[in-house]
Amino acid sequence: MSDYLCDDESEEFVFFKIPRQLIAAPKFKHVSKDAKLLYGMLLDHMSLSARNSRYNDARRVYIYYSVDEICGDITCGLDKAVKLLAAPGSCYLR
């Protein structure tokens, strides 16, 4: 087995996009790495919801991503997942 990706093997990977501003901007330095990762995961779920036309009357996208799913995806407990979702500045770019 090779240590390198060949041909279309790289297509097997799915990536989360995290806005560069969350990493580089001084105003987001206080935001935890877990919160930044969760933000990228929420963006991913938002684009899935948009593709499935999950909008409310104000044309805002509904994100279907349960706290239990978040706990499993980032390997954390319920308390931490809730704190990450509630943390000021952790889920919103301003």
Protein backbone atom coordinates (compact mmCIF):
# COMPACT_ATOMS: atom_id res chain seq x y z
CA MET A 1 0.00 0.00 0.00
CA SER A 2 1.36 3.40 -0.98
CA ASP A 3 1.82 6.34 1.42
CA TYR A 4 0.71 8.68 -1.37
CA LEU A 5 -2.67 9.48 -2.88
CA CYS A 6 -2.95 8.41 -6.48
CA ASP A 7 -5.36 9.28 -9.28
CA ASP A 8 -8.78 10.21 -7.87
CA GLU A 9 -8.16 8.94 -4.33
CA SER A 10 -8.19 12.52 -3.03
CA GLU A 11 -11.86 12.72 -4.08
CA GLU A 12 -12.66 10.24 -1.31
CA PHE A 13 -12.09 12.96 1.29
CA VAL A 14 -14.66 15.54 2.35
CA PHE A 15 -13.44 18.82 3.79
CA PHE A 16 -14.93 21.46 6.06
CA LYS A 17 -14.29 25.07 5.14
CA ILE A 18 -13.46 27.44 7.97
CA PRO A 19 -13.35 31.14 7.10
CA ARG A 20 -9.78 32.46 7.17
CA GLN A 21 -11.02 35.39 9.25
CA LEU A 22 -11.76 33.02 12.14
CA ILE A 23 -8.12 31.95 12.16
CA ALA A 24 -6.35 35.19 11.26
CA ALA A 25 -8.42 38.08 12.65
CA PRO A 26 -7.36 39.28 16.11
CA LYS A 27 -10.99 39.70 17.17
CA PHE A 28 -11.48 35.90 16.94
CA LYS A 29 -8.29 34.85 18.78
CA HIS A 30 -10.33 34.26 21.96
CA VAL A 31 -12.63 31.79 20.18
CA SER A 32 -11.66 28.18 20.92
CA LYS A 33 -10.46 25.79 18.23
CA ASP A 34 -13.44 23.56 18.96
CA ALA A 35 -15.82 26.47 18.37
CA LYS A 36 -14.07 27.30 15.09
CA LEU A 37 -14.33 23.69 13.98
CA LEU A 38 -18.00 23.61 14.94
CA TYR A 39 -18.56 26.80 12.92
CA GLY A 40 -17.13 25.06 9.84
CA MET A 41 -19.34 22.05 10.47
CA LEU A 42 -22.40 24.29 10.84
CA LEU A 43 -21.53 25.97 7.53
CA ASP A 44 -21.39 22.54 5.93
CA HIS A 45 -24.82 21.66 7.31
CA MET A 46 -26.14 25.05 6.20
CA SER A 47 -25.13 24.43 2.60
CA LEU A 48 -26.80 21.00 2.73
CA SER A 49 -29.99 22.59 4.07
CA ALA A 50 -29.84 25.26 1.35
CA ARG A 51 -29.48 22.59 -1.35
CA ASN A 52 -32.56 20.91 0.11
CA SER A 53 -34.48 24.23 0.15
CA ARG A 54 -34.90 24.32 3.93
CA TYR A 55 -35.78 27.99 4.32
CA ASN A 56 -38.20 29.80 6.59
CA ASP A 57 -40.50 32.64 5.50
CA ALA A 58 -37.67 35.16 5.98
CA ARG A 59 -35.51 33.07 3.56
CA ARG A 60 -33.18 32.03 6.38
CA VAL A 61 -31.74 28.54 6.13
CA TYR A 62 -32.72 25.99 8.74
CA ILE A 63 -29.75 23.97 9.95
CA TYR A 64 -30.63 20.44 11.01
CA TYR A 65 -27.79 19.36 13.28
CA SER A 66 -28.72 17.93 16.65
CA VAL A 67 -26.66 18.43 19.78
CA ASP A 68 -26.28 14.65 19.95
CA GLU A 69 -24.80 14.65 16.43
CA ILE A 70 -22.43 17.47 17.41
CA CYS A 71 -21.33 15.50 20.48
CA GLY A 72 -20.56 12.48 18.34
CA ASP A 73 -18.85 14.43 15.55
CA ILE A 74 -16.48 16.43 17.76
CA THR A 75 -16.29 13.77 20.48
CA CYS A 76 -17.49 15.81 23.40
CA GLY A 77 -20.13 15.70 26.08
CA LEU A 78 -23.52 17.38 26.03
CA ASP A 79 -22.42 20.24 28.30
CA LYS A 80 -19.50 21.18 26.07
CA ALA A 81 -21.58 21.04 22.88
CA VAL A 82 -24.21 23.32 24.41
CA LYS A 83 -21.52 25.74 25.64
CA LEU A 84 -19.93 25.82 22.17
CA LEU A 85 -23.27 26.64 20.59
CA ALA A 86 -24.03 29.31 23.19
CA ALA A 87 -20.59 30.96 23.34
CA PRO A 88 -20.65 34.60 22.24
CA GLY A 89 -18.87 34.99 18.94
CA SER A 90 -18.37 31.25 18.47
CA CYS A 91 -20.99 30.77 15.80
CA TYR A 92 -21.33 34.18 14.17
CA LEU A 93 -19.05 36.28 12.02
CA ARG A 94 -19.72 39.95 12.51
